[in-house]
Amino acid sequence: MVNEVLSNAFKHGFLEGRSGTIRITLTDMGNGVRELVIADDGVGFPDGFDVARGQGLGMQIILNSAVDR
C-alpha cells in the first residue's frame, strides 16, 4: 500500500517536475494499534474528486488495504 500511495503522489501530485515534500509517519497508538500517515504538498485531488469512488486500480488497492485489521 505504501508503494502505491507514493507512486500516486509522484505521478499525480508533482506534475511536470514540480518539487515538493512527502512525509511518512508511523505512530504507535497503543493497544497494538499503529497509525500510518502519508502526506504530500502536491497539487491535491481535483475538485469534486470522491476518494471513496476512486475508479483507478491504484485507488482501489489503497482503499482495500486501508482497513482496520
Protein backbone atom coordinates (compact mmCIF):
# COMPACT_ATOMS: atom_id res chain seq x y z
CA MET A 1 0.00 0.00 0.00
CA VAL A 2 2.80 2.44 0.84
CA ASN A 3 4.33 1.85 -2.58
CA GLU A 4 1.01 2.57 -4.31
CA VAL A 5 0.43 5.78 -2.35
CA LEU A 6 3.95 7.00 -3.09
CA SER A 7 3.60 6.12 -6.77
CA ASN A 8 0.34 8.08 -6.94
CA ALA A 9 1.90 11.07 -5.18
CA PHE A 10 4.75 11.24 -7.66
CA LYS A 11 2.55 10.56 -10.69
CA HIS A 12 -0.35 12.89 -9.88
CA GLY A 13 0.87 15.29 -7.19
CA PHE A 14 4.12 16.54 -8.64
CA LEU A 15 3.32 17.15 -12.28
CA GLU A 16 5.82 18.47 -14.81
CA GLY A 17 8.79 18.25 -12.47
CA ARG A 18 7.19 20.21 -9.66
CA SER A 19 9.17 19.85 -6.43
CA GLY A 20 7.63 19.04 -3.10
CA THR A 21 7.71 17.02 0.07
CA ILE A 22 6.28 13.64 1.01
CA ARG A 23 6.05 12.85 4.72
CA ILE A 24 5.59 9.32 6.10
CA THR A 25 4.97 8.69 9.79
CA LEU A 26 4.12 5.53 11.69
CA THR A 27 2.88 6.11 15.23
CA ASP A 28 2.29 3.51 17.92
CA MET A 29 -1.14 4.44 19.29
CA GLY A 30 -1.04 1.74 21.99
CA ASN A 31 -3.06 -1.45 22.40
CA GLY A 32 -1.46 -2.92 19.27
CA VAL A 33 -2.76 -0.10 17.05
CA ARG A 34 -0.47 1.77 14.70
CA GLU A 35 -1.33 4.79 12.59
CA LEU A 36 0.31 5.24 9.19
CA VAL A 37 0.11 8.73 7.71
CA ILE A 38 1.39 9.56 4.23
CA ALA A 39 1.04 13.22 3.26
CA ASP A 40 2.39 15.41 0.49
CA ASP A 41 2.22 19.03 -0.56
CA GLY A 42 1.46 18.25 -4.17
CA VAL A 43 -1.38 19.65 -6.26
CA GLY A 44 -4.08 17.68 -4.42
CA PHE A 45 -7.18 15.95 -5.71
CA PRO A 46 -9.21 17.65 -8.42
CA ASP A 47 -12.39 19.50 -7.39
CA GLY A 48 -15.24 17.05 -6.93
CA PHE A 49 -12.97 14.01 -6.58
CA ASP A 50 -14.55 11.41 -4.28
CA VAL A 51 -11.88 9.17 -2.75
CA ALA A 52 -14.48 6.51 -1.88
CA ARG A 53 -15.47 6.29 -5.55
CA GLY A 54 -11.95 6.11 -6.95
CA GLN A 55 -12.15 4.13 -10.17
CA GLY A 56 -8.47 3.54 -10.83
CA LEU A 57 -6.79 0.30 -9.86
CA GLY A 58 -4.30 2.16 -7.67
CA MET A 59 -7.05 3.84 -5.64
CA GLN A 60 -8.86 0.51 -5.26
CA ILE A 61 -5.67 -1.11 -3.95
CA ILE A 62 -5.21 1.72 -1.44
CA LEU A 63 -8.83 1.68 -0.24
CA ASN A 64 -8.89 -2.10 0.09
CA SER A 65 -5.61 -2.08 2.04
CA ALA A 66 -6.51 0.75 4.40
CA VAL A 67 -8.85 -1.12 6.69
CA ASP A 68 -8.83 -1.90 10.37
CA ARG A 69 -7.49 -5.43 10.79
